[in-house]
Amino acid sequence: MQNPCRVALLIGGLLSASSAHATDSWVIFTGGETPNREAWVVDAQTLSDRSDLVGFLQRATPAEQNAYLKQLRRRKPPKPGEPVAGPEPVYEIQVNTIYENAIKPNRLIRKYWVNCSQNTVDMRMSLVQWRDRPMEDVPPERFEPRTEAIAPWQVQLVRFACLVGPDPKAKVPAEMMKRGFLSIGDVGLSPADFIWGDLWKDGKRPAFTYRPTDAEMDRTERSLEANLARGQKETTKALDESHRAANRVGRNNLIDLWIGKTEQEFVRTWGTPDRVEIGADGSRTLYLHRGERVQGLNVYGHVISDVNNRCDITVLTMDGYIRDYATQGAACAQQLR
């Protein structure tokens, strides 16, 4: 038998930051005239810090990428006047858009990344709850492009995230109201009930005519989880590549020849790795080293000589084939030839 609450529970379980589904909701903008009114509601409990590494790698110039990679290799703060680059901090927040018009969705449930310094919003997840058809899980390729916050609701979203993000104590209702934010507290799984019950009392709420089956809900749930996993995989891939590039000392012609060959062939030639790590995406990272670091000590235990002939090698494999590598150490040019 179909569970009538399952739609709300599915949405809440996959998009809400609170395991108990409690919310701290705020109306940030309303627009339109009846019967075409719209309302935008955010949940402050979903507001969290993020780092837009993927966006930085896509937009940065080669000089900015090199400066960022150099920073990753440094163990000390940058010197005065040294170029500083890297991903800018962003805030992730969940936004519900509720529609009065019966031919529009009941609501959109989306997550955005808000960049305060760039005044931009970037959609990261989108779910459409229709009244007359199944829920629609929007794939990433159909997301709205990253855009400057110009529309009134976007301006308010940036203001909310950038005002509350740095200081959770900033949510003083009287001060927030001066900026156009209305606190509606804990509205449970859907803010649409509050909007219709308290703001749109003069309107007639369209009825839900579609009732999904459990099988359809199972498919929706699997699709949502697959999109979440895909997004995490892309972020992890970019982060891994950034770390590999940061540790790479140039390129090595000898290891370059192994790109595209099998891991089995590589191990037969180079020997068993000192360590192997298996990634969440099924990749394997092989760690090897060549040479040694030898320190000479005097009778008091003080270092009187330090000869570092060690070269650390990191090899990334996917589906059994060599995809990339990194080397670290001043002796790599001598050890790998």
Protein backbone atom coordinates (compact mmCIF):
# COMPACT_ATOMS: atom_id res chain seq x y z
CA MET A 1 0.00 0.00 0.00
CA GLN A 2 1.27 3.44 -0.89
CA ASN A 3 2.39 5.62 1.98
CA PRO A 4 0.80 9.10 1.43
CA CYS A 5 3.59 10.79 3.43
CA ARG A 6 6.39 9.24 1.46
CA VAL A 7 6.76 12.08 -1.06
CA ALA A 8 7.39 14.58 1.72
CA LEU A 9 9.67 12.21 3.60
CA LEU A 10 11.72 11.50 0.47
CA ILE A 11 12.21 15.20 -0.25
CA GLY A 12 13.04 15.93 3.36
CA GLY A 13 15.42 13.02 3.74
CA LEU A 14 17.50 13.80 0.66
CA LEU A 15 17.45 17.61 0.69
CA SER A 16 17.15 18.62 4.33
CA ALA A 17 20.24 19.17 6.48
CA SER A 18 18.41 18.16 9.66
CA SER A 19 17.89 14.50 10.43
CA ALA A 20 14.77 15.41 12.40
CA HIS A 21 13.48 17.57 9.50
CA ALA A 22 13.28 20.66 11.71
CA THR A 23 13.64 23.90 9.80
CA ASP A 24 14.48 27.54 10.40
CA SER A 25 12.61 28.99 7.45
CA TRP A 26 12.55 32.55 6.11
CA VAL A 27 10.52 34.10 3.31
CA ILE A 28 13.10 36.11 1.38
CA PHE A 29 10.93 37.36 -1.49
CA THR A 30 7.36 37.30 -2.85
CA GLY A 31 6.18 38.51 -6.22
CA GLY A 32 3.33 38.55 -8.71
CA GLU A 33 -0.41 39.15 -8.42
CA THR A 34 -3.09 36.55 -7.82
CA PRO A 35 -3.49 34.00 -9.38
CA ASN A 36 0.20 34.10 -10.36
CA ARG A 37 1.90 34.77 -7.04
CA GLU A 38 5.24 33.22 -6.18
CA ALA A 39 7.21 32.97 -2.94
CA TRP A 40 10.85 32.12 -2.21
CA VAL A 41 11.66 30.47 1.11
CA VAL A 42 15.09 29.47 2.47
CA ASP A 43 15.98 27.20 5.35
CA ALA A 44 18.80 28.72 7.41
CA GLN A 45 19.69 25.29 8.81
CA THR A 46 20.85 24.20 5.35
CA LEU A 47 23.31 27.11 5.10
CA SER A 48 26.83 25.70 5.02
CA ASP A 49 30.34 26.62 3.87
CA ARG A 50 31.70 25.24 0.62
CA SER A 51 34.77 25.79 -1.55
CA ASP A 52 34.17 26.18 -5.29
CA LEU A 53 37.28 24.28 -6.41
CA VAL A 54 35.70 22.99 -9.63
CA GLY A 55 34.58 26.48 -10.61
CA PHE A 56 38.03 27.90 -9.87
CA LEU A 57 39.80 25.27 -11.98
CA GLN A 58 37.40 25.99 -14.86
CA ARG A 59 37.76 29.78 -14.74
CA ALA A 60 41.35 30.32 -13.60
CA THR A 61 44.10 31.39 -15.97
CA PRO A 62 47.24 29.20 -16.20
CA ALA A 63 49.08 31.76 -14.05
CA GLU A 64 46.36 31.61 -11.37
CA GLN A 65 46.37 27.81 -11.40
CA ASN A 66 50.16 27.75 -11.05
CA ALA A 67 50.00 30.21 -8.16
CA TYR A 68 47.37 28.04 -6.44
CA LEU A 69 49.38 24.84 -6.93
CA LYS A 70 52.46 26.58 -5.54
CA GLN A 71 50.44 27.57 -2.46
CA LEU A 72 49.39 23.96 -1.91
CA ARG A 73 53.03 22.88 -1.91
CA ARG A 74 54.10 25.55 0.58
CA ARG A 75 54.29 24.80 4.26
CA LYS A 76 54.63 28.45 5.27
CA PRO A 77 52.46 31.53 4.59
CA PRO A 78 53.10 33.28 1.25
CA LYS A 79 55.76 35.96 1.17
CA PRO A 80 54.74 39.63 0.92
CA GLY A 81 53.86 40.48 -2.66
CA GLU A 82 53.61 36.84 -3.75
CA PRO A 83 50.53 36.11 -5.95
CA VAL A 84 47.71 34.39 -4.08
CA ALA A 85 44.98 32.47 -5.89
CA GLY A 86 42.51 29.73 -5.17
CA PRO A 87 38.84 28.79 -4.92
CA GLU A 88 36.66 31.38 -3.29
CA PRO A 89 34.44 30.45 -0.36
CA VAL A 90 30.78 29.99 -1.17
CA TYR A 91 27.67 29.25 0.85
CA GLU A 92 25.29 26.41 0.00
CA ILE A 93 21.63 26.94 0.87
CA GLN A 94 18.32 25.27 0.08
CA VAL A 95 15.60 27.32 -1.64
CA ASN A 96 11.89 26.45 -2.01
CA THR A 97 9.94 28.32 -4.70
CA ILE A 98 6.16 28.02 -4.22
CA TYR A 99 3.73 28.77 -7.07
CA GLU A 100 0.07 29.77 -6.88
CA ASN A 101 -0.75 29.06 -10.53
CA ALA A 102 -2.20 25.55 -10.97
CA ILE A 103 -0.36 24.93 -14.27
CA LYS A 104 2.99 25.54 -12.57
CA PRO A 105 4.66 23.16 -10.12
CA ASN A 106 3.52 23.11 -6.51
CA ARG A 107 7.11 24.01 -5.66
CA LEU A 108 10.73 23.78 -6.76
CA ILE A 109 13.24 22.47 -4.24
CA ARG A 110 16.75 23.58 -5.14
CA LYS A 111 20.19 24.03 -3.65
CA TYR A 112 22.37 26.95 -4.67
CA TRP A 113 25.95 28.00 -4.12
CA VAL A 114 26.15 31.71 -3.32
CA ASN A 115 29.42 33.56 -3.96
CA CYS A 116 29.39 36.74 -1.88
CA SER A 117 32.45 38.39 -3.43
CA GLN A 118 31.30 37.70 -7.01
CA ASN A 119 27.57 38.28 -6.32
CA THR A 120 26.65 35.07 -8.15
CA VAL A 121 24.31 32.11 -7.64
CA ASP A 122 24.99 28.62 -8.98
CA MET A 123 22.39 25.83 -8.95
CA ARG A 124 23.66 22.54 -7.47
CA MET A 125 20.47 20.45 -7.19
CA SER A 126 16.91 20.72 -8.48
CA LEU A 127 13.73 18.79 -7.78
CA VAL A 128 10.30 19.70 -9.20
CA GLN A 129 7.15 18.73 -7.28
CA TRP A 130 4.21 18.75 -9.69
CA ARG A 131 0.54 18.53 -8.78
CA ASP A 132 -0.55 16.44 -11.77
CA ARG A 133 2.45 14.28 -12.59
CA PRO A 134 5.44 12.53 -10.97
CA MET A 135 8.19 14.49 -9.26
CA GLU A 136 10.96 15.48 -11.65
CA ASP A 137 14.60 15.12 -10.69
CA VAL A 138 16.35 17.64 -12.94
CA PRO A 139 19.73 16.34 -14.23
CA PRO A 140 22.80 18.61 -13.89
CA GLU A 141 23.00 19.32 -17.63
CA ARG A 142 19.66 21.16 -17.39
CA PHE A 143 20.65 23.33 -14.43
CA GLU A 144 20.52 27.09 -14.73
CA PRO A 145 24.03 28.39 -15.50
CA ARG A 146 26.01 30.23 -12.86
CA THR A 147 24.76 33.77 -13.04
CA GLU A 148 25.11 37.20 -11.51
CA ALA A 149 22.42 37.88 -8.91
CA ILE A 150 20.20 40.39 -10.72
CA ALA A 151 16.63 39.11 -10.29
CA PRO A 152 15.06 40.39 -7.06
CA TRP A 153 14.86 36.94 -5.47
CA GLN A 154 18.51 36.30 -6.36
CA VAL A 155 19.55 39.60 -4.79
CA GLN A 156 17.69 38.64 -1.63
CA LEU A 157 19.24 35.16 -1.63
CA VAL A 158 22.75 36.63 -1.79
CA ARG A 159 21.90 39.11 0.95
CA PHE A 160 20.53 36.40 3.20
CA ALA A 161 23.43 33.97 2.73
CA CYS A 162 26.13 36.62 3.05
CA LEU A 163 24.48 38.26 6.05
CA VAL A 164 23.80 35.11 8.04
CA GLY A 165 26.67 32.98 6.76
CA PRO A 166 29.54 34.67 8.60
CA ASP A 167 27.57 35.14 11.82
CA PRO A 168 24.67 32.85 12.87
CA LYS A 169 23.82 35.38 15.61
CA ALA A 170 22.95 37.92 12.91
CA LYS A 171 19.44 36.50 12.54
CA VAL A 172 17.76 39.06 14.76
CA PRO A 173 14.14 39.00 13.45
CA ALA A 174 13.62 42.77 13.74
CA GLU A 175 16.85 43.56 11.85
CA MET A 176 16.23 40.82 9.28
CA MET A 177 12.72 42.16 8.65
CA LYS A 178 14.19 45.56 7.79
CA ARG A 179 16.06 43.78 4.98
CA GLY A 180 12.91 42.06 3.73
CA PHE A 181 13.28 38.69 5.45
CA LEU A 182 10.26 37.22 7.26
CA SER A 183 10.94 34.51 9.84
CA ILE A 184 8.36 31.71 9.71
CA GLY A 185 10.21 29.30 12.01
CA ASP A 186 9.85 25.54 11.75
CA VAL A 187 7.42 24.77 8.94
CA GLY A 188 8.16 21.04 8.81
CA LEU A 189 8.68 19.23 5.53
CA SER A 190 7.14 21.87 3.26
CA PRO A 191 6.88 25.67 3.55
CA ALA A 192 4.03 25.60 1.00
CA ASP A 193 1.48 24.90 3.74
CA PHE A 194 2.53 28.06 5.59
CA ILE A 195 2.47 30.21 2.44
CA TRP A 196 -1.07 29.12 1.59
CA GLY A 197 -2.30 29.19 5.16
CA ASP A 198 -0.86 32.56 6.20
CA LEU A 199 0.15 34.62 3.15
CA TRP A 200 -2.25 33.53 0.42
CA LYS A 201 -5.43 33.19 2.47
CA ASP A 202 -7.45 34.90 -0.27
CA GLY A 203 -6.49 32.33 -2.90
CA LYS A 204 -7.74 28.83 -3.68
CA ARG A 205 -5.04 26.20 -3.42
CA PRO A 206 -4.94 23.83 -6.43
CA ALA A 207 -5.52 20.21 -5.55
CA PHE A 208 -3.03 17.39 -6.12
CA THR A 209 -4.45 15.12 -8.80
CA TYR A 210 -1.52 12.73 -9.10
CA ARG A 211 -0.73 9.97 -6.63
CA PRO A 212 2.64 8.25 -7.20
CA THR A 213 3.06 4.54 -6.67
CA ASP A 214 5.75 3.07 -4.45
CA ALA A 215 7.59 1.83 -7.57
CA GLU A 216 7.70 5.37 -8.96
CA MET A 217 8.94 6.70 -5.64
CA ASP A 218 11.67 4.04 -5.62
CA ARG A 219 12.81 5.17 -9.07
CA THR A 220 12.81 8.82 -8.01
CA GLU A 221 14.81 8.00 -4.91
CA ARG A 222 17.40 6.06 -6.90
CA SER A 223 17.67 8.89 -9.43
CA LEU A 224 18.19 11.47 -6.70
CA GLU A 225 20.84 9.38 -5.00
CA ALA A 226 22.59 8.79 -8.34
CA ASN A 227 22.72 12.55 -9.02
CA LEU A 228 24.07 13.19 -5.53
CA ALA A 229 26.75 10.53 -6.05
CA ARG A 230 27.65 11.94 -9.49
CA GLY A 231 28.08 15.43 -8.09
CA GLN A 232 30.26 14.12 -5.27
CA LYS A 233 32.33 12.10 -7.74
CA GLU A 234 32.98 15.16 -9.95
CA THR A 235 34.02 17.25 -6.95
CA THR A 236 36.29 14.49 -5.63
CA LYS A 237 37.85 14.05 -9.07
CA ALA A 238 38.68 17.76 -9.31
CA LEU A 239 40.10 17.78 -5.79
CA ASP A 240 42.25 14.70 -6.45
CA GLU A 241 43.59 16.22 -9.66
CA SER A 242 44.41 19.43 -7.81
CA HIS A 243 46.40 17.53 -5.19
CA ARG A 244 48.20 15.44 -7.81
CA ALA A 245 49.13 18.56 -9.75
CA ALA A 246 50.35 20.23 -6.56
CA ASN A 247 52.71 17.34 -5.85
CA ARG A 248 53.92 16.91 -9.40
CA VAL A 249 57.48 18.02 -10.08
CA GLY A 250 57.34 18.54 -13.84
CA ARG A 251 56.69 15.50 -15.98
CA ASN A 252 58.76 12.38 -16.22
CA ASN A 253 59.29 10.85 -19.63
CA LEU A 254 59.73 7.37 -18.20
CA ILE A 255 56.39 7.32 -16.37
CA ASP A 256 54.64 9.19 -19.17
CA LEU A 257 55.09 6.04 -21.25
CA TRP A 258 52.89 4.12 -18.81
CA ILE A 259 49.80 6.31 -19.24
CA GLY A 260 47.13 4.08 -20.80
CA LYS A 261 48.85 0.80 -19.97
CA THR A 262 47.47 -1.68 -17.47
CA GLU A 263 48.13 -1.62 -13.74
CA GLN A 264 49.16 -5.27 -13.97
CA GLU A 265 51.91 -4.46 -16.47
CA PHE A 266 53.08 -1.54 -14.35
CA VAL A 267 53.35 -3.64 -11.18
CA ARG A 268 55.24 -6.40 -13.02
CA THR A 269 57.86 -3.86 -14.06
CA TRP A 270 57.99 -1.54 -11.04
CA GLY A 271 57.26 -4.04 -8.32
CA THR A 272 54.59 -4.29 -5.64
CA PRO A 273 53.49 -0.82 -4.41
CA ASP A 274 54.37 0.18 -0.86
CA ARG A 275 50.74 1.13 -0.31
CA VAL A 276 47.44 1.06 -2.24
CA GLU A 277 44.34 3.18 -1.58
CA ILE A 278 40.95 2.47 -3.15
CA GLY A 279 38.76 5.51 -3.90
CA ALA A 280 34.98 5.78 -3.61
CA ASP A 281 34.74 5.92 -7.43
CA GLY A 282 36.60 2.60 -7.81
CA SER A 283 39.95 4.18 -8.62
CA ARG A 284 43.17 2.82 -7.14
CA THR A 285 46.13 4.94 -6.05
CA LEU A 286 49.51 3.20 -5.94
CA TYR A 287 52.28 4.63 -3.75
CA LEU A 288 55.91 3.72 -4.45
CA HIS A 289 59.26 5.24 -3.58
CA ARG A 290 62.75 5.00 -4.98
CA GLY A 291 65.98 5.82 -3.17
CA GLU A 292 66.41 6.69 0.48
CA ARG A 293 67.04 9.62 2.75
CA VAL A 294 70.16 9.07 4.88
CA GLN A 295 71.02 11.29 7.83
CA GLY A 296 74.38 11.16 9.58
CA LEU A 297 74.39 11.71 13.34
CA ASN A 298 77.24 12.51 15.71
CA VAL A 299 77.70 10.95 19.14
CA TYR A 300 75.31 13.51 20.61
CA GLY A 301 72.52 12.59 18.18
CA HIS A 302 72.79 15.80 16.20
CA VAL A 303 72.35 15.68 12.40
CA ILE A 304 75.68 16.41 10.75
CA SER A 305 74.80 15.25 7.23
CA ASP A 306 71.56 14.81 5.31
CA VAL A 307 71.53 13.10 1.91
CA ASN A 308 68.04 12.88 0.42
CA ASN A 309 67.94 10.59 -2.61
CA ARG A 310 64.26 9.68 -2.16
CA CYS A 311 61.60 10.06 -4.87
CA ASP A 312 57.94 9.39 -4.04
CA ILE A 313 55.71 8.19 -6.87
CA THR A 314 51.90 8.25 -6.88
CA VAL A 315 50.07 6.44 -9.69
CA LEU A 316 46.31 6.70 -10.31
CA THR A 317 44.56 3.78 -12.01
CA MET A 318 40.95 3.50 -13.13
CA ASP A 319 39.31 0.33 -14.47
CA GLY A 320 42.72 -1.35 -14.41
CA TYR A 321 44.54 1.25 -16.52
CA ILE A 322 47.06 3.98 -15.63
CA ARG A 323 45.36 7.38 -15.85
CA ASP A 324 47.77 9.79 -14.15
CA TYR A 325 50.74 10.05 -11.83
CA ALA A 326 52.62 12.44 -9.59
CA THR A 327 56.22 12.54 -8.37
CA GLN A 328 57.66 14.38 -5.41
CA GLY A 329 61.27 14.76 -4.39
CA ALA A 330 64.41 16.53 -5.53
CA ALA A 331 66.00 13.23 -6.62
CA CYS A 332 63.20 12.17 -9.01
CA ALA A 333 65.14 13.30 -12.09
CA GLN A 334 68.01 10.98 -11.09
CA GLN A 335 65.91 8.08 -9.78
CA LEU A 336 63.43 7.89 -12.70
CA ARG A 337 65.42 7.47 -15.87
